[in-house]
Protein backbone atom coordinates (compact mmCIF):
# COMPACT_ATOMS: atom_id res chain seq x y z
CA MET A 1 23.27 3.10 8.33
CA THR A 2 22.31 1.03 5.73
CA ARG A 3 23.93 1.39 2.09
CA LEU A 4 22.09 -0.02 -1.17
CA LEU A 5 23.60 -0.60 -4.60
CA PHE A 6 21.48 -0.77 -7.83
CA VAL A 7 23.03 -2.71 -10.41
CA CYS A 8 21.96 -2.68 -14.29
CA LEU A 9 24.54 -3.81 -17.38
CA GLY A 10 25.54 -0.09 -18.23
CA ASN A 11 24.40 2.58 -15.16
CA ILE A 12 22.68 4.11 -18.04
CA CYS A 13 18.86 3.14 -17.50
CA ARG A 14 17.67 1.46 -14.79
CA SER A 15 20.13 1.71 -11.57
CA PRO A 16 20.90 5.40 -11.97
CA ALA A 17 16.37 6.11 -12.59
CA ALA A 18 16.18 3.42 -9.18
CA GLU A 19 18.76 5.32 -7.45
CA GLY A 20 17.08 8.34 -8.08
CA VAL A 21 13.82 7.29 -6.98
CA ALA A 22 15.77 5.36 -4.19
CA ARG A 23 16.69 9.09 -3.17
CA ALA A 24 13.85 11.09 -2.83
CA MET A 25 11.40 8.51 -0.96
CA ALA A 26 13.97 7.78 1.35
CA GLU A 27 14.66 11.15 1.55
CA ALA A 28 10.49 12.11 1.82
CA ARG A 29 10.24 9.42 4.74
CA GLY A 30 13.38 10.95 6.49
CA LEU A 31 16.05 7.60 6.11
CA LYS A 32 19.40 8.10 6.01
CA VAL A 33 20.65 5.52 3.82
CA GLU A 34 23.68 5.19 1.47
CA ILE A 35 22.83 4.73 -2.11
CA ASP A 36 24.42 4.65 -5.54
CA SER A 37 24.62 2.57 -8.57
CA ALA A 38 26.62 0.54 -10.96
CA GLY A 39 27.08 -0.87 -13.81
CA THR A 40 28.48 -4.99 -14.66
CA GLY A 41 29.79 -3.30 -17.64
CA GLY A 42 32.38 -0.40 -17.75
CA TRP A 43 31.42 0.50 -21.48
CA HIS A 44 29.36 3.81 -19.78
CA ALA A 45 31.67 4.83 -16.95
CA GLY A 46 31.88 9.04 -16.43
CA GLU A 47 28.62 9.69 -18.51
CA PRO A 48 25.56 10.81 -16.88
CA PRO A 49 22.18 8.78 -17.75
CA ASP A 50 20.60 8.47 -20.70
CA PRO A 51 18.93 11.77 -21.58
CA ARG A 52 15.54 9.61 -21.99
CA MET A 53 16.00 8.24 -18.69
CA ARG A 54 16.69 11.84 -17.60
CA GLU A 55 13.67 13.24 -18.73
CA ALA A 56 11.20 9.77 -18.10
CA ALA A 57 12.31 10.97 -14.31
CA ALA A 58 12.89 14.57 -14.12
CA ARG A 59 8.56 14.12 -15.84
CA ARG A 60 8.15 12.49 -11.73
CA GLY A 61 10.17 14.70 -10.07
CA TYR A 62 13.16 12.69 -10.00
CA ASP A 63 16.66 14.26 -10.81
CA LEU A 64 19.24 12.56 -12.14
CA ALA A 65 21.21 15.11 -13.44
CA SER A 66 24.21 14.89 -11.77
CA LEU A 67 24.88 11.37 -11.08
CA ARG A 68 27.38 9.58 -13.55
CA ALA A 69 28.01 5.13 -14.43
CA ARG A 70 30.39 3.31 -12.87
CA GLN A 71 31.33 -0.11 -12.80
CA LEU A 72 30.67 -2.68 -10.20
CA ARG A 73 33.79 -3.08 -7.77
CA ARG A 74 34.86 -5.76 -5.84
CA ALA A 75 34.71 -3.66 -2.84
CA ASP A 76 31.12 -3.27 -3.23
CA PHE A 77 30.13 -6.52 -1.73
CA ALA A 78 32.07 -5.35 1.34
CA ASP A 79 30.93 -1.23 1.23
CA PHE A 80 27.33 -2.09 0.31
CA ASP A 81 24.35 -4.15 2.39
CA HIS A 82 22.06 -4.93 -0.65
CA LEU A 83 22.93 -5.07 -3.69
CA LEU A 84 19.52 -5.07 -6.00
CA ALA A 85 19.92 -6.23 -9.48
CA MET A 86 17.74 -5.17 -12.31
CA ASP A 87 17.70 -8.60 -14.17
CA LYS A 88 18.58 -12.46 -13.51
CA ASP A 89 21.49 -11.80 -16.07
CA ASN A 90 22.44 -9.30 -13.75
CA LEU A 91 21.41 -10.98 -10.46
CA ALA A 92 23.73 -14.25 -11.83
CA THR A 93 27.15 -11.07 -12.40
CA LEU A 94 26.61 -10.64 -9.43
CA GLU A 95 26.57 -14.41 -7.81
CA ARG A 96 29.31 -15.48 -10.58
CA ALA A 97 31.77 -11.96 -9.06
CA ARG A 98 30.56 -12.30 -4.82
CA PRO A 99 33.66 -12.59 -2.81
CA ALA A 100 33.11 -15.95 -0.53
CA ASP A 101 33.74 -12.81 2.12
CA ALA A 102 31.27 -10.87 0.91
CA ARG A 103 28.71 -9.75 3.36
CA ALA A 104 26.19 -7.82 0.63
CA THR A 105 22.82 -9.85 0.09
CA LEU A 106 22.12 -10.26 -3.33
CA SER A 107 18.40 -9.61 -4.80
CA LEU A 108 16.12 -8.85 -7.74
CA MET A 109 14.94 -5.46 -7.27
CA LEU A 110 11.35 -6.98 -7.77
CA SER A 111 11.42 -8.61 -4.99
CA HIS A 112 10.33 -5.79 -3.04
CA ALA A 113 7.23 -5.25 -4.91
CA PRO A 114 5.46 -8.78 -5.57
CA ALA A 115 2.42 -7.79 -6.14
CA LEU A 116 3.90 -6.87 -9.51
CA PRO A 117 3.60 -9.12 -12.32
CA GLU A 118 7.05 -9.31 -13.50
CA ARG A 119 10.20 -9.79 -12.00
CA GLU A 120 12.96 -8.46 -13.91
CA VAL A 121 12.96 -4.74 -15.00
CA PRO A 122 13.38 -4.88 -18.21
CA ASP A 123 16.43 -2.51 -19.93
CA PRO A 124 14.95 0.23 -22.42
CA TYR A 125 17.85 1.43 -24.11
CA TYR A 126 16.76 0.32 -27.43
CA GLY A 127 12.98 0.66 -27.72
CA GLY A 128 10.68 3.91 -27.14
CA PRO A 129 10.09 6.19 -24.87
CA GLY A 130 7.23 3.96 -22.79
CA GLY A 131 10.29 1.78 -21.79
CA PHE A 132 12.09 4.24 -19.81
CA GLU A 133 8.52 5.55 -18.12
CA HIS A 134 7.80 1.64 -17.87
CA VAL A 135 10.68 0.82 -16.07
CA LEU A 136 9.57 4.24 -13.49
CA ASP A 137 6.44 2.10 -12.80
CA LEU A 138 8.08 -0.58 -11.69
CA LEU A 139 10.91 0.94 -9.87
CA GLU A 140 8.34 3.29 -7.82
CA PRO A 141 6.57 0.06 -6.06
CA SER A 142 9.63 -1.54 -5.92
CA VAL A 143 11.45 1.19 -4.24
CA ALA A 144 9.06 1.54 -1.82
CA GLY A 145 8.63 -1.99 -0.51
CA LEU A 146 12.31 -1.72 -0.38
CA LEU A 147 12.42 1.16 2.10
CA ASP A 148 9.86 -0.07 3.97
CA ARG A 149 11.93 -3.73 4.38
CA VAL A 150 15.05 -1.29 5.66
CA GLU A 151 12.84 0.61 7.92
CA ALA A 152 11.76 -2.43 9.39
CA GLU A 153 15.17 -3.95 10.10
CA GLY A 154 16.46 -0.35 11.55
CA ARG A 155 13.36 -1.36 14.14
């Protein structure tokens, strides 16, 4: 089974949204994958996703209510096949933290949706409600492309 870990800064906006989108899309495809999310920082450990993200996700049918923030762990580099960073800063943090014996591949989330003009998922935390919708607009095609890849690797 393929294991995916979505990573952003605090694990309360972008990465839990990616987790929720991926869970729903994988279930709809009947795809067996393990999905989780984490933050490079631990400020919000144990907290649910930001209410604005939960509301935006719920409007699209994604349930984030049961998710809780956690910080990235060294073991994640061995426990997951793919670590997907929301932006270049998070990717650089992952590259610095990556143990020499890590098996996980690292990539930017939006690299799985090459048709999108953006390369990073922007942090909506300090913006208005439109930022949360925009994050979902970016994540949906990215997750679909990622799951296409997972399916192709499984064949």
